N, C-alpha and C. Protein backbone atom coordinates (compact mmCIF):
# COMPACT_ATOMS: atom_id res chain seq x y z
N MET A 1 23.08 10.74 16.20
CA MET A 1 21.92 10.08 15.61
C MET A 1 20.77 10.08 16.62
N THR A 2 19.59 10.49 16.20
CA THR A 2 18.41 10.43 17.05
C THR A 2 18.01 8.98 17.24
N MET A 3 17.72 8.60 18.50
CA MET A 3 17.34 7.23 18.79
C MET A 3 15.84 7.13 18.95
N SER A 4 15.31 5.92 18.70
CA SER A 4 13.90 5.67 18.93
C SER A 4 13.64 5.56 20.42
N THR A 5 12.37 5.41 20.81
CA THR A 5 12.02 5.41 22.22
C THR A 5 12.60 4.21 22.97
N ASN A 6 12.96 3.14 22.28
CA ASN A 6 13.55 1.99 22.97
C ASN A 6 15.08 2.00 22.90
N GLY A 7 15.67 3.12 22.44
CA GLY A 7 17.11 3.26 22.41
C GLY A 7 17.80 2.65 21.21
N ARG A 8 17.04 2.14 20.25
CA ARG A 8 17.63 1.54 19.06
C ARG A 8 17.71 2.56 17.93
N ARG A 9 18.46 2.18 16.89
CA ARG A 9 18.54 3.02 15.69
C ARG A 9 17.14 3.14 15.08
N PRO A 10 16.70 4.35 14.72
CA PRO A 10 15.40 4.49 14.07
C PRO A 10 15.36 3.70 12.77
N LEU A 11 14.23 3.06 12.51
CA LEU A 11 14.03 2.30 11.30
C LEU A 11 13.13 3.06 10.35
N THR A 12 13.16 2.68 9.10
CA THR A 12 12.18 3.16 8.14
C THR A 12 11.14 2.08 7.98
N VAL A 13 9.94 2.35 8.49
CA VAL A 13 8.87 1.36 8.52
C VAL A 13 7.81 1.73 7.49
N GLY A 14 7.47 0.79 6.66
CA GLY A 14 6.41 1.02 5.69
C GLY A 14 5.07 0.58 6.24
N VAL A 15 4.03 1.33 5.90
CA VAL A 15 2.67 0.94 6.23
C VAL A 15 1.90 0.90 4.91
N LEU A 16 1.39 -0.28 4.54
CA LEU A 16 0.65 -0.40 3.29
C LEU A 16 -0.55 0.53 3.33
N ALA A 17 -0.64 1.46 2.40
CA ALA A 17 -1.62 2.54 2.48
C ALA A 17 -2.59 2.50 1.31
N LEU A 18 -3.06 1.30 0.98
CA LEU A 18 -4.04 1.18 -0.09
C LEU A 18 -5.45 1.44 0.41
N GLN A 19 -5.73 1.07 1.67
CA GLN A 19 -7.03 1.28 2.30
C GLN A 19 -6.88 0.90 3.76
N GLY A 20 -7.72 1.43 4.62
CA GLY A 20 -7.70 1.01 6.02
C GLY A 20 -7.06 2.03 6.95
N ASP A 21 -6.71 1.56 8.17
CA ASP A 21 -6.27 2.49 9.22
C ASP A 21 -4.75 2.60 9.28
N PHE A 22 -4.15 2.90 8.14
CA PHE A 22 -2.69 3.06 8.09
C PHE A 22 -2.23 4.30 8.84
N ARG A 23 -3.07 5.33 8.94
CA ARG A 23 -2.67 6.57 9.59
C ARG A 23 -2.35 6.34 11.06
N GLU A 24 -3.17 5.52 11.75
CA GLU A 24 -2.95 5.28 13.17
C GLU A 24 -1.62 4.58 13.43
N HIS A 25 -1.26 3.61 12.57
CA HIS A 25 0.05 2.98 12.71
C HIS A 25 1.17 3.98 12.48
N ARG A 26 1.01 4.81 11.45
CA ARG A 26 2.05 5.80 11.15
C ARG A 26 2.27 6.73 12.33
N GLU A 27 1.19 7.21 12.93
CA GLU A 27 1.33 8.15 14.03
C GLU A 27 2.00 7.51 15.24
N MET A 28 1.67 6.24 15.52
CA MET A 28 2.31 5.57 16.65
C MET A 28 3.80 5.38 16.40
N LEU A 29 4.15 4.92 15.21
CA LEU A 29 5.56 4.70 14.88
C LEU A 29 6.35 6.01 14.92
N GLU A 30 5.75 7.09 14.47
CA GLU A 30 6.43 8.38 14.51
C GLU A 30 6.65 8.84 15.94
N ARG A 31 5.66 8.58 16.82
CA ARG A 31 5.85 8.91 18.24
C ARG A 31 6.98 8.09 18.84
N MET A 32 7.20 6.89 18.32
CA MET A 32 8.28 6.04 18.80
C MET A 32 9.64 6.46 18.26
N GLY A 33 9.66 7.39 17.31
CA GLY A 33 10.92 7.90 16.79
C GLY A 33 11.37 7.28 15.49
N HIS A 34 10.51 6.52 14.82
CA HIS A 34 10.88 5.88 13.57
C HIS A 34 10.42 6.70 12.37
N HIS A 35 11.07 6.47 11.24
CA HIS A 35 10.64 7.07 9.99
C HIS A 35 9.56 6.18 9.38
N VAL A 36 8.53 6.78 8.81
CA VAL A 36 7.41 6.00 8.28
C VAL A 36 7.16 6.38 6.83
N SER A 37 6.95 5.36 6.01
CA SER A 37 6.62 5.56 4.60
C SER A 37 5.28 4.91 4.30
N GLU A 38 4.35 5.68 3.77
CA GLU A 38 3.06 5.12 3.35
C GLU A 38 3.26 4.47 1.98
N ILE A 39 3.08 3.15 1.93
CA ILE A 39 3.42 2.37 0.74
C ILE A 39 2.22 2.29 -0.20
N ARG A 40 2.37 2.86 -1.38
CA ARG A 40 1.30 2.81 -2.39
C ARG A 40 1.77 2.24 -3.72
N LYS A 41 3.09 2.03 -3.87
CA LYS A 41 3.65 1.44 -5.09
C LYS A 41 4.62 0.34 -4.71
N PRO A 42 4.64 -0.78 -5.46
CA PRO A 42 5.52 -1.90 -5.10
C PRO A 42 6.99 -1.51 -4.96
N GLY A 43 7.47 -0.58 -5.78
CA GLY A 43 8.87 -0.20 -5.72
C GLY A 43 9.29 0.40 -4.40
N GLN A 44 8.33 0.94 -3.63
CA GLN A 44 8.66 1.54 -2.34
C GLN A 44 9.09 0.48 -1.32
N LEU A 45 8.75 -0.77 -1.55
CA LEU A 45 9.13 -1.83 -0.62
C LEU A 45 10.64 -1.98 -0.53
N ASP A 46 11.35 -1.58 -1.56
CA ASP A 46 12.81 -1.69 -1.56
C ASP A 46 13.47 -0.72 -0.59
N GLU A 47 12.72 0.27 -0.11
CA GLU A 47 13.29 1.36 0.67
C GLU A 47 13.00 1.26 2.16
N ILE A 48 12.39 0.16 2.62
CA ILE A 48 11.95 0.09 4.02
C ILE A 48 12.59 -1.09 4.75
N ASP A 49 12.62 -0.98 6.10
CA ASP A 49 13.19 -2.01 6.96
C ASP A 49 12.15 -2.98 7.49
N ALA A 50 10.88 -2.59 7.49
CA ALA A 50 9.81 -3.40 8.05
C ALA A 50 8.50 -2.93 7.42
N LEU A 51 7.46 -3.79 7.52
CA LEU A 51 6.19 -3.46 6.85
C LEU A 51 5.02 -3.86 7.73
N ILE A 52 4.03 -2.96 7.83
CA ILE A 52 2.76 -3.24 8.49
C ILE A 52 1.66 -3.25 7.44
N ILE A 53 0.83 -4.29 7.50
CA ILE A 53 -0.37 -4.36 6.65
C ILE A 53 -1.54 -4.12 7.60
N PRO A 54 -2.21 -2.98 7.50
CA PRO A 54 -3.15 -2.55 8.54
C PRO A 54 -4.53 -3.18 8.40
N GLY A 55 -5.35 -2.88 9.40
CA GLY A 55 -6.75 -3.26 9.33
C GLY A 55 -7.49 -2.43 8.31
N GLY A 56 -8.67 -2.90 7.96
CA GLY A 56 -9.50 -2.24 6.96
C GLY A 56 -10.49 -3.24 6.43
N GLU A 57 -10.83 -3.15 5.17
CA GLU A 57 -11.72 -4.09 4.52
C GLU A 57 -10.88 -5.07 3.72
N SER A 58 -10.82 -6.31 4.18
CA SER A 58 -9.87 -7.28 3.61
C SER A 58 -10.12 -7.55 2.13
N THR A 59 -11.39 -7.62 1.71
CA THR A 59 -11.66 -7.88 0.29
C THR A 59 -11.20 -6.70 -0.57
N THR A 60 -11.39 -5.48 -0.07
CA THR A 60 -10.96 -4.30 -0.82
C THR A 60 -9.44 -4.25 -0.91
N ILE A 61 -8.75 -4.49 0.21
CA ILE A 61 -7.29 -4.46 0.18
C ILE A 61 -6.75 -5.56 -0.73
N ALA A 62 -7.35 -6.77 -0.68
CA ALA A 62 -6.92 -7.86 -1.55
C ALA A 62 -7.08 -7.48 -3.01
N ARG A 63 -8.19 -6.84 -3.35
CA ARG A 63 -8.41 -6.40 -4.73
C ARG A 63 -7.36 -5.38 -5.15
N LEU A 64 -7.05 -4.43 -4.26
CA LEU A 64 -6.07 -3.39 -4.60
C LEU A 64 -4.66 -3.96 -4.67
N ILE A 65 -4.36 -4.96 -3.85
CA ILE A 65 -3.06 -5.63 -3.94
C ILE A 65 -2.88 -6.23 -5.34
N LEU A 66 -3.91 -6.89 -5.83
CA LEU A 66 -3.82 -7.53 -7.15
C LEU A 66 -3.78 -6.48 -8.26
N SER A 67 -4.66 -5.49 -8.19
CA SER A 67 -4.74 -4.51 -9.29
C SER A 67 -3.53 -3.59 -9.36
N ASN A 68 -2.80 -3.46 -8.24
CA ASN A 68 -1.61 -2.61 -8.22
C ASN A 68 -0.31 -3.39 -8.32
N GLY A 69 -0.41 -4.69 -8.61
CA GLY A 69 0.79 -5.49 -8.83
C GLY A 69 1.60 -5.75 -7.58
N PHE A 70 0.93 -5.82 -6.41
CA PHE A 70 1.63 -5.96 -5.14
C PHE A 70 1.83 -7.40 -4.69
N GLN A 71 1.06 -8.36 -5.23
CA GLN A 71 1.05 -9.67 -4.60
C GLN A 71 2.44 -10.32 -4.51
N GLN A 72 3.13 -10.45 -5.63
CA GLN A 72 4.44 -11.10 -5.59
C GLN A 72 5.48 -10.25 -4.85
N PRO A 73 5.51 -8.93 -5.05
CA PRO A 73 6.45 -8.13 -4.25
C PRO A 73 6.22 -8.26 -2.74
N LEU A 74 4.96 -8.37 -2.32
CA LEU A 74 4.69 -8.54 -0.89
C LEU A 74 5.14 -9.92 -0.42
N ARG A 75 4.92 -10.93 -1.24
CA ARG A 75 5.40 -12.27 -0.88
C ARG A 75 6.92 -12.29 -0.78
N ASP A 76 7.58 -11.61 -1.70
CA ASP A 76 9.04 -11.54 -1.66
C ASP A 76 9.51 -10.80 -0.41
N PHE A 77 8.80 -9.74 -0.03
CA PHE A 77 9.18 -8.99 1.17
C PHE A 77 9.03 -9.87 2.41
N CYS A 78 7.95 -10.65 2.46
CA CYS A 78 7.75 -11.56 3.59
C CYS A 78 8.88 -12.58 3.69
N ALA A 79 9.42 -12.99 2.54
CA ALA A 79 10.50 -13.98 2.51
C ALA A 79 11.87 -13.37 2.75
N SER A 80 11.95 -12.05 2.87
CA SER A 80 13.24 -11.36 2.96
C SER A 80 13.87 -11.44 4.35
N GLY A 81 13.09 -11.81 5.35
CA GLY A 81 13.58 -11.78 6.73
C GLY A 81 13.26 -10.49 7.46
N LYS A 82 12.78 -9.48 6.76
CA LYS A 82 12.39 -8.23 7.41
C LYS A 82 11.05 -8.41 8.14
N PRO A 83 10.83 -7.68 9.24
CA PRO A 83 9.58 -7.84 9.97
C PRO A 83 8.36 -7.44 9.14
N VAL A 84 7.33 -8.27 9.19
CA VAL A 84 6.06 -7.98 8.54
C VAL A 84 4.95 -8.28 9.55
N TRP A 85 3.99 -7.36 9.66
CA TRP A 85 2.92 -7.50 10.66
C TRP A 85 1.59 -7.18 10.00
N GLY A 86 0.64 -8.10 10.12
CA GLY A 86 -0.72 -7.87 9.67
C GLY A 86 -1.64 -7.74 10.85
N THR A 87 -2.36 -6.62 10.94
CA THR A 87 -3.33 -6.41 12.01
C THR A 87 -4.74 -6.50 11.44
N CYS A 88 -5.59 -7.33 12.04
CA CYS A 88 -6.99 -7.51 11.65
C CYS A 88 -7.08 -7.91 10.17
N ALA A 89 -7.48 -7.02 9.28
CA ALA A 89 -7.52 -7.37 7.86
C ALA A 89 -6.16 -7.78 7.35
N GLY A 90 -5.11 -7.17 7.87
CA GLY A 90 -3.76 -7.54 7.47
C GLY A 90 -3.44 -8.98 7.81
N ALA A 91 -3.93 -9.45 8.97
CA ALA A 91 -3.74 -10.85 9.35
C ALA A 91 -4.46 -11.77 8.37
N ILE A 92 -5.65 -11.38 7.97
CA ILE A 92 -6.42 -12.16 6.98
C ILE A 92 -5.61 -12.31 5.70
N LEU A 93 -4.99 -11.24 5.25
CA LEU A 93 -4.26 -11.26 3.99
C LEU A 93 -2.98 -12.09 4.08
N LEU A 94 -2.39 -12.21 5.27
CA LEU A 94 -1.19 -13.02 5.44
C LEU A 94 -1.51 -14.51 5.51
N ALA A 95 -2.73 -14.87 5.88
CA ALA A 95 -3.08 -16.27 6.12
C ALA A 95 -3.13 -17.09 4.83
N ARG A 96 -2.68 -18.34 4.94
CA ARG A 96 -2.76 -19.25 3.79
C ARG A 96 -4.19 -19.69 3.52
N GLN A 97 -5.02 -19.78 4.56
CA GLN A 97 -6.39 -20.23 4.40
C GLN A 97 -7.34 -19.23 5.04
N VAL A 98 -8.32 -18.77 4.25
CA VAL A 98 -9.31 -17.79 4.73
C VAL A 98 -10.68 -18.18 4.18
N ASP A 99 -11.70 -18.11 5.03
CA ASP A 99 -13.05 -18.37 4.53
C ASP A 99 -13.62 -17.09 3.92
N ASN A 100 -14.38 -17.24 2.87
CA ASN A 100 -15.15 -16.15 2.27
C ASN A 100 -14.32 -14.96 1.80
N LEU A 101 -13.08 -15.19 1.39
CA LEU A 101 -12.31 -14.13 0.73
C LEU A 101 -12.32 -14.47 -0.76
N ASP A 102 -12.88 -13.57 -1.56
CA ASP A 102 -13.20 -13.92 -2.95
C ASP A 102 -12.02 -13.81 -3.91
N ARG A 103 -10.83 -13.52 -3.39
CA ARG A 103 -9.63 -13.46 -4.22
C ARG A 103 -8.43 -13.72 -3.32
N PRO A 104 -7.31 -14.14 -3.86
CA PRO A 104 -6.17 -14.48 -3.01
C PRO A 104 -5.55 -13.25 -2.36
N GLY A 105 -5.04 -13.47 -1.15
CA GLY A 105 -4.28 -12.43 -0.48
C GLY A 105 -2.79 -12.65 -0.71
N ILE A 106 -2.01 -12.51 0.35
CA ILE A 106 -0.55 -12.70 0.26
C ILE A 106 -0.20 -14.16 0.52
N GLU A 107 -0.93 -14.79 1.46
CA GLU A 107 -0.89 -16.24 1.67
C GLU A 107 0.52 -16.75 2.02
N THR A 108 1.10 -16.20 3.09
CA THR A 108 2.45 -16.60 3.47
C THR A 108 2.55 -17.24 4.87
N MET A 109 1.52 -17.08 5.72
CA MET A 109 1.58 -17.62 7.07
C MET A 109 0.76 -18.90 7.19
N ASP A 110 1.28 -19.83 7.97
CA ASP A 110 0.61 -21.12 8.17
C ASP A 110 -0.50 -20.97 9.22
N ILE A 111 -1.50 -20.19 8.86
CA ILE A 111 -2.65 -19.97 9.74
C ILE A 111 -3.92 -20.02 8.91
N SER A 112 -5.00 -20.43 9.57
CA SER A 112 -6.33 -20.46 8.98
C SER A 112 -7.21 -19.46 9.72
N ILE A 113 -7.93 -18.63 8.99
CA ILE A 113 -8.67 -17.52 9.59
C ILE A 113 -10.12 -17.50 9.10
N GLN A 114 -11.01 -17.17 10.03
CA GLN A 114 -12.42 -16.91 9.69
C GLN A 114 -12.67 -15.42 9.80
N ARG A 115 -13.11 -14.81 8.72
CA ARG A 115 -13.34 -13.36 8.71
C ARG A 115 -14.55 -12.98 9.55
N ASN A 116 -14.46 -11.80 10.20
CA ASN A 116 -15.57 -11.23 10.98
C ASN A 116 -16.17 -12.24 11.96
N ALA A 117 -15.34 -13.09 12.53
CA ALA A 117 -15.84 -14.19 13.35
C ALA A 117 -16.48 -13.71 14.65
N PHE A 118 -16.05 -12.56 15.15
CA PHE A 118 -16.59 -12.07 16.41
C PHE A 118 -17.83 -11.20 16.21
N GLY A 119 -18.33 -11.12 14.99
CA GLY A 119 -19.57 -10.39 14.74
C GLY A 119 -19.37 -9.06 14.06
N ARG A 120 -20.43 -8.27 14.07
CA ARG A 120 -20.44 -6.97 13.41
C ARG A 120 -19.69 -5.94 14.24
N GLN A 121 -19.59 -4.73 13.72
CA GLN A 121 -18.85 -3.68 14.42
C GLN A 121 -19.46 -3.40 15.79
N VAL A 122 -20.79 -3.55 15.92
CA VAL A 122 -21.42 -3.31 17.22
C VAL A 122 -21.02 -4.37 18.23
N ASP A 123 -20.45 -5.48 17.78
CA ASP A 123 -20.00 -6.53 18.68
C ASP A 123 -18.52 -6.39 19.04
N SER A 124 -17.94 -5.25 18.73
CA SER A 124 -16.54 -5.01 19.07
C SER A 124 -16.36 -5.07 20.59
N PHE A 125 -15.15 -5.45 21.03
CA PHE A 125 -14.90 -5.58 22.46
C PHE A 125 -13.44 -5.33 22.75
N GLU A 126 -13.10 -5.25 24.02
CA GLU A 126 -11.73 -5.04 24.46
C GLU A 126 -11.37 -6.12 25.48
N ALA A 127 -10.08 -6.45 25.57
CA ALA A 127 -9.64 -7.49 26.49
C ALA A 127 -8.21 -7.21 26.94
N ALA A 128 -7.89 -7.64 28.15
CA ALA A 128 -6.53 -7.55 28.68
C ALA A 128 -5.85 -8.89 28.43
N LEU A 129 -4.75 -8.89 27.68
CA LEU A 129 -4.15 -10.12 27.18
C LEU A 129 -2.68 -10.24 27.56
N GLN A 130 -2.25 -11.47 27.77
CA GLN A 130 -0.84 -11.78 27.90
C GLN A 130 -0.32 -12.18 26.52
N VAL A 131 0.72 -11.49 26.06
CA VAL A 131 1.28 -11.75 24.73
C VAL A 131 2.71 -12.26 24.92
N GLU A 132 3.01 -13.39 24.32
CA GLU A 132 4.37 -13.93 24.39
C GLU A 132 5.37 -12.91 23.84
N GLY A 133 6.42 -12.66 24.61
CA GLY A 133 7.45 -11.72 24.18
C GLY A 133 7.26 -10.32 24.72
N ILE A 134 6.14 -10.07 25.42
CA ILE A 134 5.88 -8.75 25.99
C ILE A 134 5.87 -8.86 27.51
N ALA A 135 6.75 -8.11 28.17
CA ALA A 135 6.82 -8.11 29.62
C ALA A 135 5.90 -7.04 30.19
N GLY A 136 5.64 -7.14 31.49
CA GLY A 136 4.85 -6.13 32.16
C GLY A 136 3.38 -6.50 32.24
N PRO A 137 2.53 -5.51 32.47
CA PRO A 137 1.10 -5.78 32.66
C PRO A 137 0.46 -6.30 31.38
N PRO A 138 -0.76 -6.85 31.48
CA PRO A 138 -1.45 -7.34 30.28
C PRO A 138 -1.60 -6.23 29.23
N PHE A 139 -1.63 -6.66 27.98
CA PHE A 139 -1.78 -5.73 26.86
C PHE A 139 -3.27 -5.48 26.64
N HIS A 140 -3.65 -4.20 26.56
CA HIS A 140 -5.06 -3.84 26.33
C HIS A 140 -5.35 -3.93 24.83
N ALA A 141 -6.16 -4.89 24.44
CA ALA A 141 -6.42 -5.15 23.02
C ALA A 141 -7.82 -4.71 22.63
N VAL A 142 -7.92 -4.10 21.46
CA VAL A 142 -9.18 -3.61 20.92
C VAL A 142 -9.55 -4.47 19.70
N PHE A 143 -10.73 -5.10 19.75
CA PHE A 143 -11.20 -5.97 18.68
C PHE A 143 -12.36 -5.28 17.96
N ILE A 144 -12.23 -5.09 16.63
CA ILE A 144 -13.28 -4.45 15.84
C ILE A 144 -13.55 -5.33 14.61
N ARG A 145 -14.72 -5.95 14.56
CA ARG A 145 -15.05 -6.88 13.47
C ARG A 145 -13.88 -7.84 13.24
N ALA A 146 -13.41 -8.40 14.32
CA ALA A 146 -12.13 -9.11 14.31
C ALA A 146 -12.24 -10.50 13.69
N PRO A 147 -11.19 -10.94 13.00
CA PRO A 147 -11.14 -12.31 12.50
C PRO A 147 -10.75 -13.28 13.61
N LEU A 148 -11.04 -14.54 13.40
CA LEU A 148 -10.72 -15.60 14.35
C LEU A 148 -9.66 -16.52 13.74
N PHE A 149 -8.61 -16.78 14.49
CA PHE A 149 -7.60 -17.74 14.06
C PHE A 149 -8.15 -19.15 14.34
N LEU A 150 -8.48 -19.89 13.30
CA LEU A 150 -9.03 -21.23 13.48
C LEU A 150 -7.95 -22.24 13.83
N SER A 151 -6.77 -22.09 13.22
CA SER A 151 -5.68 -23.02 13.49
C SER A 151 -4.36 -22.41 13.06
N VAL A 152 -3.29 -22.91 13.67
CA VAL A 152 -1.92 -22.60 13.24
C VAL A 152 -1.20 -23.92 13.06
N TRP A 153 -0.26 -23.97 12.13
CA TRP A 153 0.47 -25.21 11.87
C TRP A 153 1.83 -24.87 11.28
N GLY A 154 2.57 -25.90 10.95
CA GLY A 154 3.86 -25.68 10.31
C GLY A 154 4.79 -24.84 11.15
N ASN A 155 5.27 -23.76 10.56
CA ASN A 155 6.23 -22.89 11.24
C ASN A 155 5.58 -21.80 12.08
N ALA A 156 4.26 -21.70 12.03
CA ALA A 156 3.56 -20.69 12.82
C ALA A 156 3.25 -21.22 14.21
N ARG A 157 3.12 -20.30 15.17
CA ARG A 157 2.70 -20.69 16.51
C ARG A 157 1.87 -19.57 17.12
N ALA A 158 0.94 -19.96 17.99
CA ALA A 158 0.12 -18.98 18.68
C ALA A 158 0.96 -18.28 19.74
N ILE A 159 0.81 -16.96 19.86
CA ILE A 159 1.53 -16.22 20.90
C ILE A 159 0.58 -15.47 21.83
N CYS A 160 -0.74 -15.56 21.58
CA CYS A 160 -1.71 -14.89 22.44
C CYS A 160 -3.07 -15.53 22.23
N THR A 161 -3.78 -15.77 23.35
CA THR A 161 -5.13 -16.33 23.28
C THR A 161 -6.04 -15.59 24.24
N LEU A 162 -7.34 -15.68 23.98
CA LEU A 162 -8.33 -15.23 24.95
C LEU A 162 -8.43 -16.26 26.07
N GLU A 163 -9.20 -15.93 27.10
CA GLU A 163 -9.32 -16.84 28.24
C GLU A 163 -9.86 -18.21 27.84
N ASP A 164 -10.70 -18.26 26.79
CA ASP A 164 -11.28 -19.54 26.37
C ASP A 164 -10.37 -20.31 25.42
N GLY A 165 -9.16 -19.81 25.20
CA GLY A 165 -8.22 -20.50 24.33
C GLY A 165 -8.25 -20.06 22.88
N THR A 166 -9.16 -19.17 22.52
CA THR A 166 -9.23 -18.66 21.15
C THR A 166 -7.94 -17.93 20.79
N ILE A 167 -7.32 -18.30 19.69
CA ILE A 167 -6.07 -17.67 19.26
C ILE A 167 -6.36 -16.31 18.63
N VAL A 168 -5.63 -15.29 19.09
CA VAL A 168 -5.82 -13.95 18.54
C VAL A 168 -4.52 -13.32 18.06
N ALA A 169 -3.40 -14.05 18.15
CA ALA A 169 -2.13 -13.57 17.60
C ALA A 169 -1.24 -14.77 17.33
N ALA A 170 -0.46 -14.67 16.26
CA ALA A 170 0.45 -15.74 15.88
C ALA A 170 1.72 -15.14 15.29
N ARG A 171 2.78 -15.94 15.36
CA ARG A 171 4.06 -15.53 14.80
C ARG A 171 4.66 -16.68 14.00
N GLN A 172 5.29 -16.33 12.90
CA GLN A 172 6.01 -17.30 12.08
C GLN A 172 7.31 -16.64 11.63
N GLY A 173 8.39 -16.86 12.40
CA GLY A 173 9.66 -16.22 12.08
C GLY A 173 9.53 -14.71 12.12
N ASN A 174 9.76 -14.07 10.99
CA ASN A 174 9.68 -12.61 10.90
C ASN A 174 8.27 -12.09 10.64
N LEU A 175 7.29 -12.99 10.63
CA LEU A 175 5.91 -12.61 10.33
C LEU A 175 5.06 -12.62 11.60
N LEU A 176 4.26 -11.60 11.78
CA LEU A 176 3.39 -11.45 12.95
C LEU A 176 1.98 -11.14 12.47
N ALA A 177 0.99 -11.74 13.12
CA ALA A 177 -0.41 -11.48 12.78
C ALA A 177 -1.22 -11.35 14.06
N THR A 178 -2.05 -10.30 14.15
CA THR A 178 -2.93 -10.10 15.29
C THR A 178 -4.33 -9.81 14.79
N SER A 179 -5.34 -10.35 15.50
CA SER A 179 -6.71 -10.08 15.09
C SER A 179 -7.23 -8.78 15.69
N PHE A 180 -6.46 -8.16 16.58
CA PHE A 180 -6.87 -6.92 17.22
C PHE A 180 -6.04 -5.74 16.70
N HIS A 181 -6.31 -4.56 17.23
CA HIS A 181 -5.77 -3.29 16.72
C HIS A 181 -4.87 -2.61 17.76
N PRO A 182 -3.59 -2.97 17.85
CA PRO A 182 -2.71 -2.31 18.83
C PRO A 182 -2.49 -0.82 18.56
N GLU A 183 -2.68 -0.40 17.33
CA GLU A 183 -2.45 1.00 16.98
C GLU A 183 -3.51 1.93 17.58
N LEU A 184 -4.60 1.37 18.11
CA LEU A 184 -5.67 2.19 18.69
C LEU A 184 -5.49 2.42 20.19
N THR A 185 -4.37 1.97 20.74
CA THR A 185 -4.05 2.21 22.14
C THR A 185 -2.79 3.05 22.23
N GLY A 186 -2.44 3.46 23.43
CA GLY A 186 -1.19 4.20 23.60
C GLY A 186 -0.01 3.31 23.94
N ASP A 187 -0.23 2.00 23.92
CA ASP A 187 0.80 1.04 24.33
C ASP A 187 1.64 0.66 23.11
N THR A 188 2.93 0.96 23.17
CA THR A 188 3.82 0.70 22.02
C THR A 188 4.51 -0.65 22.09
N ARG A 189 4.23 -1.46 23.12
CA ARG A 189 5.01 -2.67 23.32
C ARG A 189 4.89 -3.67 22.18
N LEU A 190 3.73 -3.79 21.57
CA LEU A 190 3.60 -4.74 20.48
C LEU A 190 4.30 -4.24 19.22
N HIS A 191 4.28 -2.94 19.00
CA HIS A 191 5.05 -2.39 17.89
C HIS A 191 6.55 -2.61 18.11
N GLU A 192 7.00 -2.47 19.35
CA GLU A 192 8.41 -2.71 19.65
C GLU A 192 8.78 -4.18 19.42
N LEU A 193 7.91 -5.09 19.84
CA LEU A 193 8.14 -6.51 19.59
C LEU A 193 8.22 -6.78 18.09
N PHE A 194 7.28 -6.24 17.35
CA PHE A 194 7.26 -6.41 15.89
C PHE A 194 8.59 -6.00 15.25
N LEU A 195 9.10 -4.86 15.64
CA LEU A 195 10.33 -4.36 15.01
C LEU A 195 11.56 -5.15 15.40
N SER A 196 11.44 -6.02 16.41
CA SER A 196 12.58 -6.81 16.86
C SER A 196 12.63 -8.20 16.26
N ILE A 197 11.61 -8.62 15.50
CA ILE A 197 11.52 -10.04 15.13
C ILE A 197 12.24 -10.39 13.83
N GLY A 198 12.64 -9.42 13.05
CA GLY A 198 13.32 -9.74 11.80
C GLY A 198 14.83 -9.75 11.95
N ALA A 199 15.50 -10.17 10.89
CA ALA A 199 16.96 -10.11 10.87
C ALA A 199 17.40 -8.65 10.92
N PRO A 200 18.42 -8.31 11.71
CA PRO A 200 18.89 -6.92 11.78
C PRO A 200 19.26 -6.40 10.39
N ALA A 201 19.01 -5.14 10.17
CA ALA A 201 19.30 -4.54 8.86
C ALA A 201 20.75 -4.71 8.48
N GLU A 202 21.65 -4.60 9.48
CA GLU A 202 23.07 -4.72 9.20
C GLU A 202 23.41 -6.11 8.66
N ALA A 203 22.75 -7.14 9.23
CA ALA A 203 22.99 -8.51 8.78
C ALA A 203 22.48 -8.72 7.37
N ARG A 204 21.34 -8.09 7.04
CA ARG A 204 20.79 -8.25 5.70
C ARG A 204 21.68 -7.58 4.64
N ARG A 205 22.35 -6.51 5.06
CA ARG A 205 23.23 -5.84 4.11
C ARG A 205 24.52 -6.63 3.90
N GLY A 206 24.78 -7.61 4.78
CA GLY A 206 26.00 -8.42 4.65
C GLY A 206 27.21 -7.71 5.20
């Protein structure tokens, strides 16, 4: 059996491919040795071990989630124990509370988010961050029209902040949300962390 770059069994990872930068996540996961499925129909969720909801335009993705019948299947997937990760717009869609989103997202994480809080695309920036669960040097994070985590509560907790204490990543069990774009760097450590946070596939099969 071919092993992934961290020595584990390769997983089949889905990347929601309705809109946004799903290609960059797919390419990184493939370099890591995993199988990747671009998810465009709800039935495909039954065939994957983990799911990434990528960055993009959150209102557009929310509209496509509703029009393609994805909302409840995505909520069920989040409740399955399998790893789910929202990056940038994906984090917005996972949040229970979001400002200025004109339709509901997936709404499964106990986080409150402000869209485009760091400004326009020209206000994008990069930062070296310490992320809970990641060893080694700081993680190089790329922020593009990034959302701001206003608060976390309940079962969610912050796992990464900027120097001023601003929350930029949170975890709730098998759910992960980041306001930045790890897929735009060559560092696979956050993807590796993501794939480790859910119940093992063997355990889910019973």
